[in-house]
Amino acid sequence: MPTLPWTTPNPAPTGVEVHVFASRFETRTLWGALKFLVGTPAVWRQVSRAPGAYGATLRAKPLSRTFWTLSAWESPAALKEFARSGAHSPASRNLSGQMRDSKFVSWQVRSDELPLDWDDAIRRLT
């Protein structure tokens, strides 16, 4: 699966602080990677309609069992609401036993810095 392009569900207002969230997931097995991939379309649809979502992208290396997400949000509360609702909530619960390693980072940027840079996100996750 190639990197999904940056998607902008809701344009960010000019000159505001944006909450950025990046994650890295490594599954224990290829079966876990397949389960991650199967759940991706529903979660991606949820992102595309999420209130407060200013942008998102996904990078997947399923044969290496590794996945990265990168997203921009109106606030930490908007991200939290997304994570606890819709397709994301059951998908994350169903995958928790499949995870070998997970890492999460967040930071702030100005809205004029969107779309976000993968190189910076990967560096922060390393």
C-alpha atoms as a PDB file:
ATOM      1  CA  MET A   1       0.000   0.000   0.000  1.00  0.00           C
ATOM      2  CA  PRO A   2       1.498   3.337  -0.954  1.00  0.00           C
ATOM      3  CA  THR A   3       1.352   6.395   1.241  1.00  0.00           C
ATOM      4  CA  LEU A   4      -2.151   7.814   1.221  1.00  0.00           C
ATOM      5  CA  PRO A   5      -2.000  11.435   0.074  1.00  0.00           C
ATOM      6  CA  TRP A   6      -2.606  14.309   2.473  1.00  0.00           C
ATOM      7  CA  THR A   7      -6.364  14.733   2.770  1.00  0.00           C
ATOM      8  CA  THR A   8      -7.938  17.959   4.035  1.00  0.00           C
ATOM      9  CA  PRO A   9     -11.377  17.250   5.547  1.00  0.00           C
ATOM     10  CA  ASN A  10     -11.749  20.795   6.928  1.00  0.00           C
ATOM     11  CA  PRO A  11      -9.537  23.701   5.865  1.00  0.00           C
ATOM     12  CA  ALA A  12      -7.684  25.200   8.828  1.00  0.00           C
ATOM     13  CA  PRO A  13      -8.258  28.887   9.492  1.00  0.00           C
ATOM     14  CA  THR A  14      -5.323  31.084   8.534  1.00  0.00           C
ATOM     15  CA  GLY A  15      -2.702  31.774  11.190  1.00  0.00           C
ATOM     16  CA  VAL A  16      -3.966  29.490  13.966  1.00  0.00           C
ATOM     17  CA  GLU A  17      -2.132  26.920  16.087  1.00  0.00           C
ATOM     18  CA  VAL A  18      -2.801  23.372  14.958  1.00  0.00           C
ATOM     19  CA  HIS A  19      -2.427  20.211  17.036  1.00  0.00           C
ATOM     20  CA  VAL A  20      -0.315  17.632  15.175  1.00  0.00           C
ATOM     21  CA  PHE A  21      -0.347  13.943  15.997  1.00  0.00           C
ATOM     22  CA  ALA A  22       1.920  11.238  14.578  1.00  0.00           C
ATOM     23  CA  SER A  23       1.978   7.539  15.339  1.00  0.00           C
ATOM     24  CA  ARG A  24       3.998   4.478  14.455  1.00  0.00           C
ATOM     25  CA  PHE A  25       2.608   0.959  14.803  1.00  0.00           C
ATOM     26  CA  GLU A  26       4.405  -2.326  14.349  1.00  0.00           C
ATOM     27  CA  THR A  27       2.344  -5.502  14.393  1.00  0.00           C
ATOM     28  CA  ARG A  28       3.598  -8.796  15.795  1.00  0.00           C
ATOM     29  CA  THR A  29       2.727 -10.783  12.675  1.00  0.00           C
ATOM     30  CA  LEU A  30       1.773 -10.381   9.044  1.00  0.00           C
ATOM     31  CA  TRP A  31      -1.736 -11.443  10.094  1.00  0.00           C
ATOM     32  CA  GLY A  32      -1.812  -8.368  12.342  1.00  0.00           C
ATOM     33  CA  ALA A  33      -0.659  -6.211   9.429  1.00  0.00           C
ATOM     34  CA  LEU A  34      -3.459  -7.631   7.291  1.00  0.00           C
ATOM     35  CA  LYS A  35      -5.999  -6.843  10.011  1.00  0.00           C
ATOM     36  CA  PHE A  36      -4.646  -3.286  10.159  1.00  0.00           C
ATOM     37  CA  LEU A  37      -5.059  -2.937   6.383  1.00  0.00           C
ATOM     38  CA  VAL A  38      -8.590  -4.354   6.410  1.00  0.00           C
ATOM     39  CA  GLY A  39      -9.684  -1.730   8.943  1.00  0.00           C
ATOM     40  CA  THR A  40      -7.980   1.178   7.216  1.00  0.00           C
ATOM     41  CA  PRO A  41     -10.720   2.160   4.704  1.00  0.00           C
ATOM     42  CA  ALA A  42     -13.384   2.616   7.383  1.00  0.00           C
ATOM     43  CA  VAL A  43     -11.077   4.676   9.605  1.00  0.00           C
ATOM     44  CA  TRP A  44      -9.943   6.730   6.584  1.00  0.00           C
ATOM     45  CA  ARG A  45     -13.589   7.492   5.750  1.00  0.00           C
ATOM     46  CA  GLN A  46     -14.113   8.555   9.371  1.00  0.00           C
ATOM     47  CA  VAL A  47     -11.131  10.946   9.162  1.00  0.00           C
ATOM     48  CA  SER A  48     -12.534  12.487   5.991  1.00  0.00           C
ATOM     49  CA  ARG A  49     -15.691  13.493   7.898  1.00  0.00           C
ATOM     50  CA  ALA A  50     -14.226  14.202  11.349  1.00  0.00           C
ATOM     51  CA  PRO A  51     -15.038  17.560  12.917  1.00  0.00           C
ATOM     52  CA  GLY A  52     -11.830  19.398  13.714  1.00  0.00           C
ATOM     53  CA  ALA A  53      -9.647  17.334  11.348  1.00  0.00           C
ATOM     54  CA  TYR A  54      -7.446  19.644   9.278  1.00  0.00           C
ATOM     55  CA  GLY A  55      -5.533  16.924   7.452  1.00  0.00           C
ATOM     56  CA  ALA A  56      -4.280  13.361   7.551  1.00  0.00           C
ATOM     57  CA  THR A  57      -2.072  10.891   5.742  1.00  0.00           C
ATOM     58  CA  LEU A  58      -1.048   7.270   6.261  1.00  0.00           C
ATOM     59  CA  ARG A  59       2.165   5.477   5.327  1.00  0.00           C
ATOM     60  CA  ALA A  60       2.093   1.677   5.269  1.00  0.00           C
ATOM     61  CA  LYS A  61       4.771  -0.971   4.849  1.00  0.00           C
ATOM     62  CA  PRO A  62       2.660  -4.070   5.470  1.00  0.00           C
ATOM     63  CA  LEU A  63       5.391  -6.589   4.624  1.00  0.00           C
ATOM     64  CA  SER A  64       7.525  -4.905   7.284  1.00  0.00           C
ATOM     65  CA  ARG A  65       4.422  -4.875   9.548  1.00  0.00           C
ATOM     66  CA  THR A  66       4.832  -1.131  10.125  1.00  0.00           C
ATOM     67  CA  PHE A  67       2.342   1.726   9.734  1.00  0.00           C
ATOM     68  CA  TRP A  68       2.578   5.467  10.387  1.00  0.00           C
ATOM     69  CA  THR A  69      -0.134   8.094  10.696  1.00  0.00           C
ATOM     70  CA  LEU A  70       0.242  11.842  10.527  1.00  0.00           C
ATOM     71  CA  SER A  71      -2.635  14.219  11.162  1.00  0.00           C
ATOM     72  CA  ALA A  72      -3.492  17.815  12.045  1.00  0.00           C
ATOM     73  CA  TRP A  73      -6.364  18.766  14.326  1.00  0.00           C
ATOM     74  CA  GLU A  74      -8.164  21.813  15.618  1.00  0.00           C
ATOM     75  CA  SER A  75      -7.350  20.718  19.179  1.00  0.00           C
ATOM     76  CA  PRO A  76      -6.330  17.741  21.296  1.00  0.00           C
ATOM     77  CA  ALA A  77     -10.031  17.405  22.199  1.00  0.00           C
ATOM     78  CA  ALA A  78     -11.006  17.020  18.514  1.00  0.00           C
ATOM     79  CA  LEU A  79      -8.406  14.261  18.122  1.00  0.00           C
ATOM     80  CA  LYS A  80      -9.593  12.545  21.306  1.00  0.00           C
ATOM     81  CA  GLU A  81     -13.212  12.616  20.126  1.00  0.00           C
ATOM     82  CA  PHE A  82     -12.181  11.083  16.792  1.00  0.00           C
ATOM     83  CA  ALA A  83     -10.178   8.315  18.507  1.00  0.00           C
ATOM     84  CA  ARG A  84     -13.062   7.389  20.827  1.00  0.00           C
ATOM     85  CA  SER A  85     -15.765   7.257  18.166  1.00  0.00           C
ATOM     86  CA  GLY A  86     -16.743   5.800  14.801  1.00  0.00           C
ATOM     87  CA  ALA A  87     -14.673   3.078  13.163  1.00  0.00           C
ATOM     88  CA  HIS A  88     -11.471   4.074  14.946  1.00  0.00           C
ATOM     89  CA  SER A  89     -12.560   2.980  18.414  1.00  0.00           C
ATOM     90  CA  PRO A  90     -13.370  -0.685  17.652  1.00  0.00           C
ATOM     91  CA  ALA A  91     -10.478  -0.943  15.181  1.00  0.00           C
ATOM     92  CA  SER A  92      -7.957   0.130  17.806  1.00  0.00           C
ATOM     93  CA  ARG A  93      -9.446  -2.230  20.408  1.00  0.00           C
ATOM     94  CA  ASN A  94      -9.413  -5.156  17.946  1.00  0.00           C
ATOM     95  CA  LEU A  95      -5.785  -4.501  17.001  1.00  0.00           C
ATOM     96  CA  SER A  96      -4.362  -3.945  20.483  1.00  0.00           C
ATOM     97  CA  GLY A  97      -3.374  -7.607  20.884  1.00  0.00           C
ATOM     98  CA  GLN A  98      -1.681  -7.575  17.490  1.00  0.00           C
ATOM     99  CA  MET A  99       0.700  -4.717  18.316  1.00  0.00           C
ATOM    100  CA  ARG A 100       4.355  -5.341  18.950  1.00  0.00           C
ATOM    101  CA  ASP A 101       5.263  -1.679  19.353  1.00  0.00           C
ATOM    102  CA  SER A 102       3.485   1.669  19.197  1.00  0.00           C
ATOM    103  CA  LYS A 103       4.783   5.192  19.512  1.00  0.00           C
ATOM    104  CA  PHE A 104       2.916   8.493  19.579  1.00  0.00           C
ATOM    105  CA  VAL A 105       4.071  12.123  19.446  1.00  0.00           C
ATOM    106  CA  SER A 106       2.271  15.420  19.238  1.00  0.00           C
ATOM    107  CA  TRP A 107       3.340  19.017  18.716  1.00  0.00           C
ATOM    108  CA  GLN A 108       1.996  22.349  17.541  1.00  0.00           C
ATOM    109  CA  VAL A 109       2.432  24.103  14.191  1.00  0.00           C
ATOM    110  CA  ARG A 110       0.890  27.131  12.528  1.00  0.00           C
ATOM    111  CA  SER A 111      -1.861  26.387  10.021  1.00  0.00           C
ATOM    112  CA  ASP A 112       0.227  27.865   7.185  1.00  0.00           C
ATOM    113  CA  GLU A 113       2.677  24.941   7.686  1.00  0.00           C
ATOM    114  CA  LEU A 114       0.083  22.452   6.398  1.00  0.00           C
ATOM    115  CA  PRO A 115       0.323  19.992   4.766  1.00  0.00           C
ATOM    116  CA  LEU A 116       2.775  18.339   7.127  1.00  0.00           C
ATOM    117  CA  ASP A 117       6.173  16.889   6.279  1.00  0.00           C
ATOM    118  CA  TRP A 118       6.717  13.131   6.662  1.00  0.00           C
ATOM    119  CA  ASP A 119      10.459  13.540   7.247  1.00  0.00           C
ATOM    120  CA  ASP A 120       9.861  15.701  10.311  1.00  0.00           C
ATOM    121  CA  ALA A 121       7.240  13.302  11.684  1.00  0.00           C
ATOM    122  CA  ILE A 122       9.466  10.234  11.215  1.00  0.00           C
ATOM    123  CA  ARG A 123      12.350  12.052  12.924  1.00  0.00           C
ATOM    124  CA  ARG A 124      10.111  12.873  15.889  1.00  0.00           C
ATOM    125  CA  LEU A 125       8.938   9.248  16.109  1.00  0.00           C
ATOM    126  CA  THR A 126      12.493   7.863  16.073  1.00  0.00           C
END
